N, C-alpha and C. Protein backbone atom coordinates (compact mmCIF):
# COMPACT_ATOMS: atom_id res chain seq x y z
N UNK A 1 101.48 63.89 109.11
CA UNK A 1 102.62 64.29 109.91
C UNK A 1 102.19 65.15 111.09
N UNK A 2 101.19 66.00 110.87
CA UNK A 2 100.73 66.87 111.95
C UNK A 2 100.16 66.10 113.12
N UNK A 3 99.68 64.88 112.87
CA UNK A 3 99.12 64.10 113.95
C UNK A 3 100.21 63.58 114.88
N UNK A 4 101.42 63.40 114.35
CA UNK A 4 102.51 62.85 115.15
C UNK A 4 103.20 63.91 116.00
N UNK A 5 103.15 65.17 115.55
CA UNK A 5 103.82 66.24 116.27
C UNK A 5 102.76 67.15 116.88
N UNK A 6 103.03 67.60 118.07
CA UNK A 6 102.09 68.45 118.79
C UNK A 6 101.87 69.77 118.06
N UNK A 7 100.67 70.33 118.15
CA UNK A 7 100.33 71.59 117.48
C UNK A 7 101.15 72.74 118.03
N UNK A 8 101.52 72.67 119.30
CA UNK A 8 102.31 73.77 119.88
C UNK A 8 103.69 73.87 119.24
N UNK A 9 104.24 72.74 118.80
CA UNK A 9 105.54 72.77 118.11
C UNK A 9 105.41 73.53 116.79
N UNK A 10 104.33 73.28 116.04
CA UNK A 10 104.13 74.00 114.78
C UNK A 10 103.90 75.48 115.03
N UNK A 11 103.17 75.81 116.08
CA UNK A 11 102.97 77.22 116.42
C UNK A 11 104.28 77.89 116.78
N UNK A 12 105.14 77.17 117.51
CA UNK A 12 106.45 77.70 117.86
C UNK A 12 107.29 77.94 116.61
N UNK A 13 107.29 76.97 115.69
CA UNK A 13 108.06 77.14 114.46
C UNK A 13 107.53 78.29 113.61
N UNK A 14 106.23 78.45 113.55
CA UNK A 14 105.66 79.58 112.81
C UNK A 14 106.07 80.91 113.43
N UNK A 15 106.03 80.99 114.75
CA UNK A 15 106.43 82.22 115.44
C UNK A 15 107.91 82.51 115.22
N UNK A 16 108.75 81.48 115.29
CA UNK A 16 110.18 81.66 115.06
C UNK A 16 110.46 82.10 113.62
N UNK A 17 109.75 81.50 112.67
CA UNK A 17 109.94 81.88 111.28
C UNK A 17 109.58 83.34 111.05
N UNK A 18 108.47 83.79 111.61
CA UNK A 18 108.07 85.18 111.44
C UNK A 18 109.06 86.13 112.13
N UNK A 19 109.58 85.74 113.28
CA UNK A 19 110.55 86.57 113.98
C UNK A 19 111.84 86.68 113.18
N UNK A 20 112.33 85.56 112.66
CA UNK A 20 113.55 85.58 111.85
C UNK A 20 113.33 86.39 110.58
N UNK A 21 112.15 86.28 110.00
CA UNK A 21 111.86 87.03 108.78
C UNK A 21 111.86 88.53 109.04
N UNK A 22 111.32 88.96 110.18
CA UNK A 22 111.35 90.38 110.52
C UNK A 22 112.77 90.87 110.72
N UNK A 23 113.60 90.07 111.39
CA UNK A 23 115.00 90.45 111.59
C UNK A 23 115.75 90.49 110.27
N UNK A 24 115.48 89.55 109.39
CA UNK A 24 116.14 89.54 108.09
C UNK A 24 115.70 90.73 107.24
N UNK A 25 114.44 91.12 107.35
CA UNK A 25 113.97 92.28 106.58
C UNK A 25 114.70 93.55 107.00
N UNK A 26 114.93 93.72 108.29
CA UNK A 26 115.66 94.91 108.73
C UNK A 26 117.12 94.85 108.28
N UNK A 27 117.73 93.66 108.28
CA UNK A 27 119.10 93.52 107.79
C UNK A 27 119.18 93.82 106.30
N UNK A 28 118.21 93.34 105.54
CA UNK A 28 118.19 93.58 104.10
C UNK A 28 118.01 95.06 103.81
N UNK A 29 117.17 95.74 104.59
CA UNK A 29 116.99 97.18 104.39
C UNK A 29 118.29 97.94 104.66
N UNK A 30 119.03 97.55 105.69
CA UNK A 30 120.32 98.19 105.96
C UNK A 30 121.32 97.91 104.85
N UNK A 31 121.35 96.68 104.36
CA UNK A 31 122.27 96.33 103.28
C UNK A 31 121.93 97.09 102.01
N UNK A 32 120.64 97.28 101.74
CA UNK A 32 120.24 98.03 100.55
C UNK A 32 120.69 99.49 100.65
N UNK A 33 120.53 100.08 101.81
CA UNK A 33 120.96 101.48 101.99
C UNK A 33 122.47 101.62 101.85
N UNK A 34 123.22 100.71 102.46
CA UNK A 34 124.68 100.77 102.35
C UNK A 34 125.14 100.53 100.91
N UNK A 35 124.51 99.60 100.21
CA UNK A 35 124.89 99.33 98.83
C UNK A 35 124.63 100.56 97.96
N UNK A 36 123.53 101.23 98.17
CA UNK A 36 123.24 102.43 97.38
C UNK A 36 124.25 103.54 97.67
N UNK A 37 124.60 103.73 98.93
CA UNK A 37 125.57 104.77 99.28
C UNK A 37 126.94 104.47 98.70
N UNK A 38 127.42 103.25 98.87
CA UNK A 38 128.76 102.90 98.36
C UNK A 38 128.80 102.88 96.84
N UNK A 39 127.70 102.50 96.20
CA UNK A 39 127.66 102.54 94.74
C UNK A 39 127.78 103.98 94.26
N UNK A 40 127.08 104.88 94.90
CA UNK A 40 127.16 106.28 94.49
C UNK A 40 128.57 106.85 94.70
N UNK A 41 129.20 106.49 95.82
CA UNK A 41 130.57 106.96 96.07
C UNK A 41 131.55 106.41 95.03
N UNK A 42 131.47 105.13 94.75
CA UNK A 42 132.36 104.53 93.76
C UNK A 42 132.10 105.11 92.37
N UNK A 43 130.84 105.24 92.04
CA UNK A 43 130.45 105.80 90.75
C UNK A 43 130.99 107.22 90.61
N UNK A 44 130.87 108.01 91.66
CA UNK A 44 131.36 109.40 91.62
C UNK A 44 132.88 109.45 91.47
N UNK A 45 133.60 108.58 92.18
CA UNK A 45 135.06 108.58 92.07
C UNK A 45 135.51 108.18 90.67
N UNK A 46 134.92 107.12 90.12
CA UNK A 46 135.31 106.68 88.79
C UNK A 46 134.93 107.71 87.72
N UNK A 47 133.75 108.29 87.84
CA UNK A 47 133.32 109.29 86.86
C UNK A 47 134.21 110.53 86.94
N UNK A 48 134.62 110.92 88.14
CA UNK A 48 135.48 112.08 88.28
C UNK A 48 136.85 111.83 87.63
N UNK A 49 137.39 110.62 87.80
CA UNK A 49 138.66 110.29 87.17
C UNK A 49 138.56 110.40 85.65
N UNK A 50 137.43 109.99 85.12
CA UNK A 50 137.24 110.04 83.66
C UNK A 50 137.00 111.46 83.18
N UNK A 51 136.30 112.26 83.98
CA UNK A 51 136.04 113.66 83.59
C UNK A 51 137.31 114.49 83.61
N UNK A 52 138.17 114.23 84.59
CA UNK A 52 139.41 115.00 84.71
C UNK A 52 140.39 114.62 83.62
N UNK A 53 140.31 113.38 83.15
CA UNK A 53 141.20 112.93 82.09
C UNK A 53 142.29 112.01 82.57
N UNK A 54 142.25 111.60 83.83
CA UNK A 54 143.26 110.67 84.33
C UNK A 54 143.11 109.29 83.70
N UNK A 55 141.89 108.92 83.34
CA UNK A 55 141.63 107.62 82.73
C UNK A 55 140.77 107.82 81.49
N UNK A 56 140.90 106.92 80.52
CA UNK A 56 140.01 107.02 79.36
C UNK A 56 138.57 106.66 79.76
N UNK A 57 137.64 107.02 78.91
CA UNK A 57 136.23 106.74 79.18
C UNK A 57 135.98 105.24 79.06
N UNK A 58 135.61 104.61 80.17
CA UNK A 58 135.30 103.18 80.20
C UNK A 58 133.91 103.01 80.78
N UNK A 59 133.03 102.44 79.99
CA UNK A 59 131.65 102.28 80.44
C UNK A 59 131.49 101.15 81.44
N UNK A 60 132.19 100.05 81.24
CA UNK A 60 132.00 98.89 82.11
C UNK A 60 132.44 99.17 83.54
N UNK A 61 133.38 100.06 83.72
CA UNK A 61 133.80 100.42 85.07
C UNK A 61 132.67 101.12 85.82
N UNK A 62 131.75 101.73 85.10
CA UNK A 62 130.62 102.40 85.72
C UNK A 62 129.39 101.51 85.79
N UNK A 63 129.23 100.58 84.85
CA UNK A 63 128.03 99.75 84.83
C UNK A 63 128.04 98.64 85.87
N UNK A 64 129.20 98.07 86.15
CA UNK A 64 129.26 96.94 87.08
C UNK A 64 128.77 97.29 88.49
N UNK A 65 129.27 98.34 89.13
CA UNK A 65 128.75 98.64 90.48
C UNK A 65 127.29 99.10 90.43
N UNK A 66 126.90 99.74 89.35
CA UNK A 66 125.51 100.17 89.21
C UNK A 66 124.58 98.97 89.12
N UNK A 67 124.96 97.97 88.33
CA UNK A 67 124.13 96.77 88.20
C UNK A 67 124.09 95.99 89.51
N UNK A 68 125.21 95.88 90.19
CA UNK A 68 125.23 95.18 91.47
C UNK A 68 124.37 95.88 92.50
N UNK A 69 124.43 97.19 92.55
CA UNK A 69 123.60 97.94 93.50
C UNK A 69 122.12 97.80 93.15
N UNK A 70 121.78 97.75 91.87
CA UNK A 70 120.38 97.54 91.49
C UNK A 70 119.87 96.19 91.95
N UNK A 71 120.70 95.16 91.82
CA UNK A 71 120.29 93.83 92.28
C UNK A 71 120.08 93.84 93.79
N UNK A 72 120.96 94.49 94.53
CA UNK A 72 120.83 94.51 95.99
C UNK A 72 119.64 95.37 96.43
N UNK A 73 119.45 96.51 95.80
CA UNK A 73 118.35 97.39 96.19
C UNK A 73 117.00 96.75 95.88
N UNK A 74 116.90 96.08 94.75
CA UNK A 74 115.65 95.40 94.39
C UNK A 74 115.78 93.90 94.65
N UNK A 75 116.25 93.53 95.84
CA UNK A 75 116.53 92.14 96.18
C UNK A 75 115.27 91.28 96.13
N UNK A 76 114.16 91.79 96.65
CA UNK A 76 112.93 91.01 96.65
C UNK A 76 112.47 90.67 95.24
N UNK A 77 112.49 91.62 94.35
CA UNK A 77 112.13 91.36 92.96
C UNK A 77 113.10 90.43 92.27
N UNK A 78 114.39 90.56 92.60
CA UNK A 78 115.40 89.67 92.02
C UNK A 78 115.17 88.22 92.45
N UNK A 79 114.89 88.02 93.73
CA UNK A 79 114.64 86.67 94.23
C UNK A 79 113.36 86.10 93.62
N UNK A 80 112.34 86.93 93.49
CA UNK A 80 111.09 86.46 92.86
C UNK A 80 111.33 86.09 91.40
N UNK A 81 112.16 86.85 90.71
CA UNK A 81 112.44 86.55 89.30
C UNK A 81 113.24 85.24 89.17
N UNK A 82 114.18 85.00 90.09
CA UNK A 82 114.95 83.77 90.04
C UNK A 82 114.10 82.56 90.42
N UNK A 83 113.19 82.74 91.36
CA UNK A 83 112.36 81.63 91.83
C UNK A 83 111.15 81.38 90.94
N UNK A 84 110.90 82.22 89.96
CA UNK A 84 109.74 82.05 89.11
C UNK A 84 109.89 80.77 88.29
N UNK A 85 108.92 79.88 88.35
CA UNK A 85 109.04 78.63 87.57
C UNK A 85 108.95 78.88 86.08
N UNK A 86 109.83 78.26 85.35
CA UNK A 86 109.84 78.43 83.90
C UNK A 86 108.75 77.57 83.27
N UNK A 87 108.01 78.10 82.31
CA UNK A 87 106.94 77.30 81.69
C UNK A 87 107.52 76.38 80.61
N UNK A 88 107.90 75.18 80.95
CA UNK A 88 108.45 74.24 80.00
C UNK A 88 107.38 73.38 79.47
């Protein structure tokens, strides 16, 4: 296939891929920071409601945003774990 397409086209695609990857890395870093901040705010609000006594103690209300934030913060490891081939 490389013989049919000019080498400069492949170099262009490689450069574009690296550029897009750098832009996506900065977007992912921003999303990870925002997810951590919002998870802490939600966690604090729900925990405060339970400490004051407005709501009964519910663990799942606290675990769901915590688990979601962990997946987002460790996105690279999560994607590697999902893409890992299973030894069948």
